[in-house]
N, C-alpha and C. Protein backbone atom coordinates (compact mmCIF):
# COMPACT_ATOMS: atom_id res chain seq x y z
N MET A 1 5.31 -15.92 5.87
CA MET A 1 5.78 -14.72 5.18
C MET A 1 7.11 -15.22 4.46
N ASN A 2 7.09 -14.69 3.19
CA ASN A 2 8.33 -14.99 2.48
C ASN A 2 9.12 -13.77 2.29
N ASP A 3 10.34 -13.80 1.61
CA ASP A 3 11.30 -12.68 1.53
C ASP A 3 10.64 -11.51 0.90
N SER A 4 9.92 -11.71 0.01
CA SER A 4 9.27 -10.51 -0.78
C SER A 4 8.28 -9.74 0.10
N THR A 5 7.80 -10.28 1.18
CA THR A 5 6.67 -9.50 1.98
C THR A 5 7.44 -9.00 3.24
N VAL A 6 8.80 -9.24 3.60
CA VAL A 6 9.48 -8.71 4.75
C VAL A 6 9.74 -7.16 4.41
N SER A 7 9.10 -6.62 5.65
CA SER A 7 9.43 -5.09 5.53
C SER A 7 10.72 -4.58 6.28
N LEU A 8 11.57 -4.01 5.63
CA LEU A 8 12.96 -3.43 6.18
C LEU A 8 12.84 -1.95 5.99
N PRO A 9 12.08 -1.15 6.95
CA PRO A 9 12.07 0.33 6.66
C PRO A 9 13.08 1.13 7.31
N TRP A 10 14.06 0.48 7.99
CA TRP A 10 15.15 1.20 8.53
C TRP A 10 16.43 1.08 7.95
N LEU A 11 17.13 2.08 7.57
CA LEU A 11 18.44 2.21 6.89
C LEU A 11 19.67 2.64 7.69
N VAL A 12 20.75 2.11 7.48
CA VAL A 12 21.92 2.60 8.08
C VAL A 12 22.61 3.26 6.92
N ILE A 13 23.05 4.49 7.01
CA ILE A 13 23.60 5.37 5.92
C ILE A 13 24.95 5.77 6.36
N ARG A 14 25.83 5.72 5.63
CA ARG A 14 27.25 6.22 5.82
C ARG A 14 27.51 7.51 5.12
N GLN A 15 28.01 8.42 5.81
CA GLN A 15 28.46 9.67 5.07
C GLN A 15 29.92 9.86 5.16
N ASP A 16 30.52 10.00 4.06
CA ASP A 16 31.99 10.16 4.03
C ASP A 16 32.45 11.56 4.32
N ASP A 17 33.67 11.82 4.35
CA ASP A 17 34.28 13.29 4.51
C ASP A 17 33.83 14.26 3.37
N ASN A 18 33.53 13.59 2.20
CA ASN A 18 33.12 14.58 1.13
C ASN A 18 31.44 14.90 1.05
N GLY A 19 30.93 14.25 2.02
CA GLY A 19 29.52 14.43 1.93
C GLY A 19 28.80 13.37 1.14
N ASN A 20 29.52 12.39 0.47
CA ASN A 20 28.56 11.34 -0.11
C ASN A 20 28.13 10.46 0.76
N ARG A 21 26.90 10.01 0.40
CA ARG A 21 25.97 9.08 1.49
C ARG A 21 25.78 7.75 0.70
N TYR A 22 25.99 6.76 1.49
CA TYR A 22 25.80 5.38 0.96
C TYR A 22 24.92 4.65 1.92
N ARG A 23 24.03 3.84 1.35
CA ARG A 23 23.23 2.92 2.31
C ARG A 23 24.11 1.65 2.44
N VAL A 24 24.16 1.31 3.89
CA VAL A 24 25.00 0.28 4.40
C VAL A 24 24.13 -0.90 4.42
N GLY A 25 22.97 -0.89 4.84
CA GLY A 25 22.06 -1.93 4.99
C GLY A 25 20.60 -1.49 5.41
N ARG A 26 19.53 -2.50 5.41
CA ARG A 26 18.26 -2.13 5.64
C ARG A 26 17.93 -3.15 6.83
N TYR A 27 17.06 -2.77 7.82
CA TYR A 27 16.85 -3.54 8.76
C TYR A 27 15.30 -3.41 9.32
N ALA A 28 14.80 -4.48 10.12
CA ALA A 28 13.44 -4.46 10.29
C ALA A 28 13.02 -3.43 11.44
N THR A 29 14.01 -3.14 12.31
CA THR A 29 13.69 -2.34 13.42
C THR A 29 14.80 -1.27 13.60
N ARG A 30 14.22 -0.13 14.19
CA ARG A 30 15.25 0.96 14.55
C ARG A 30 16.29 0.49 15.34
N ALA A 31 15.90 -0.18 16.44
CA ALA A 31 16.89 -0.80 17.40
C ALA A 31 18.11 -1.51 16.82
N GLU A 32 17.79 -2.34 15.89
CA GLU A 32 18.65 -3.32 14.96
C GLU A 32 19.49 -2.37 14.23
N ALA A 33 18.94 -1.45 13.37
CA ALA A 33 19.67 -0.49 12.62
C ALA A 33 20.62 0.21 13.42
N GLN A 34 20.31 0.72 14.73
CA GLN A 34 20.93 1.74 15.64
C GLN A 34 22.16 0.82 16.17
N ARG A 35 21.94 -0.47 16.40
CA ARG A 35 23.03 -1.31 16.93
C ARG A 35 24.18 -1.55 15.69
N ILE A 36 23.85 -1.56 14.57
CA ILE A 36 24.84 -1.70 13.57
C ILE A 36 25.48 -0.39 13.36
N ALA A 37 24.85 0.75 13.27
CA ALA A 37 25.52 2.08 13.10
C ALA A 37 26.34 2.28 14.38
N ASP A 38 25.95 1.97 15.64
CA ASP A 38 26.92 2.05 16.61
C ASP A 38 28.15 1.26 16.58
N SER A 39 27.93 0.12 16.26
CA SER A 39 29.10 -0.84 16.05
C SER A 39 30.03 -0.42 15.01
N LEU A 40 29.54 0.16 13.77
CA LEU A 40 30.55 0.86 12.82
C LEU A 40 31.04 2.15 13.39
N ASP A 41 30.33 2.75 14.05
CA ASP A 41 30.94 4.07 14.65
C ASP A 41 32.05 3.71 15.71
N ASP A 42 31.84 2.72 16.50
CA ASP A 42 32.94 2.20 17.45
C ASP A 42 34.14 1.80 16.72
N ARG A 43 34.32 1.67 15.52
CA ARG A 43 35.54 1.31 14.80
C ARG A 43 36.52 2.53 14.68
N GLY A 44 36.05 3.60 14.96
CA GLY A 44 36.83 4.69 14.96
C GLY A 44 37.26 5.48 13.58
N HIS A 45 36.56 5.01 12.61
CA HIS A 45 36.78 5.66 11.32
C HIS A 45 36.08 7.19 11.25
N GLN A 46 36.52 7.94 10.35
CA GLN A 46 36.02 9.32 10.20
C GLN A 46 34.50 9.37 9.62
N GLN A 47 33.97 8.32 9.07
CA GLN A 47 32.68 8.41 8.54
C GLN A 47 31.59 8.58 9.49
N LEU A 48 30.52 9.12 9.09
CA LEU A 48 29.39 9.38 10.04
C LEU A 48 28.32 8.22 9.62
N TYR A 49 27.87 7.58 10.54
CA TYR A 49 26.86 6.49 10.39
C TYR A 49 25.64 7.13 11.06
N SER A 50 24.28 7.03 10.32
CA SER A 50 23.20 7.46 11.01
C SER A 50 22.07 6.64 10.51
N VAL A 51 20.87 6.65 11.30
CA VAL A 51 19.81 5.75 10.89
C VAL A 51 18.62 6.55 10.49
N GLU A 52 18.02 6.02 9.47
CA GLU A 52 16.86 6.76 8.80
C GLU A 52 15.73 5.76 8.34
N ARG A 53 14.52 6.29 8.50
CA ARG A 53 13.38 5.34 8.07
C ARG A 53 13.05 5.65 6.67
N ILE A 54 12.66 4.76 5.91
CA ILE A 54 12.29 4.90 4.54
C ILE A 54 10.73 5.31 4.65
N GLY A 55 10.35 6.16 3.80
CA GLY A 55 9.10 6.87 3.69
C GLY A 55 8.17 5.94 2.87
N HIS A 56 6.92 6.15 2.77
CA HIS A 56 5.93 5.40 2.02
C HIS A 56 6.28 5.16 0.56
N HIS A 57 6.85 6.09 -0.08
CA HIS A 57 7.15 5.99 -1.29
C HIS A 57 8.79 5.45 -1.60
N GLY A 58 9.28 4.79 -0.75
CA GLY A 58 10.68 4.38 -0.74
C GLY A 58 11.82 5.29 -0.64
N ASP A 59 11.51 6.60 -0.35
CA ASP A 59 12.71 7.54 0.06
C ASP A 59 13.05 7.52 1.40
N ALA A 60 14.25 7.90 1.46
CA ALA A 60 14.60 7.94 3.04
C ALA A 60 14.16 9.39 3.70
N GLY A 61 13.61 9.23 4.88
CA GLY A 61 13.19 10.48 5.67
C GLY A 61 14.21 11.15 6.35
N PRO A 62 13.93 12.08 7.04
CA PRO A 62 14.96 12.70 7.91
C PRO A 62 15.48 11.85 8.78
N ARG A 63 16.55 12.11 9.39
CA ARG A 63 17.46 11.41 10.19
C ARG A 63 16.56 10.83 11.55
N ALA A 64 16.45 9.67 11.96
CA ALA A 64 15.71 9.35 13.04
C ALA A 64 16.44 9.30 14.48
């Protein structure tokens, strides 16, 4: 398996105080993405971090 065939369907999304959303990273498993989101949350910043799964057409689905 090479880099072009690796599936990374889980996103960590950061939402700032103004409602702007940014992709922080893509991950292979929900557990891995959740660990990253939790570690960022633990830093005490006011941003909200969430985990979402990418749909079949590349769009992020509802919050997982």
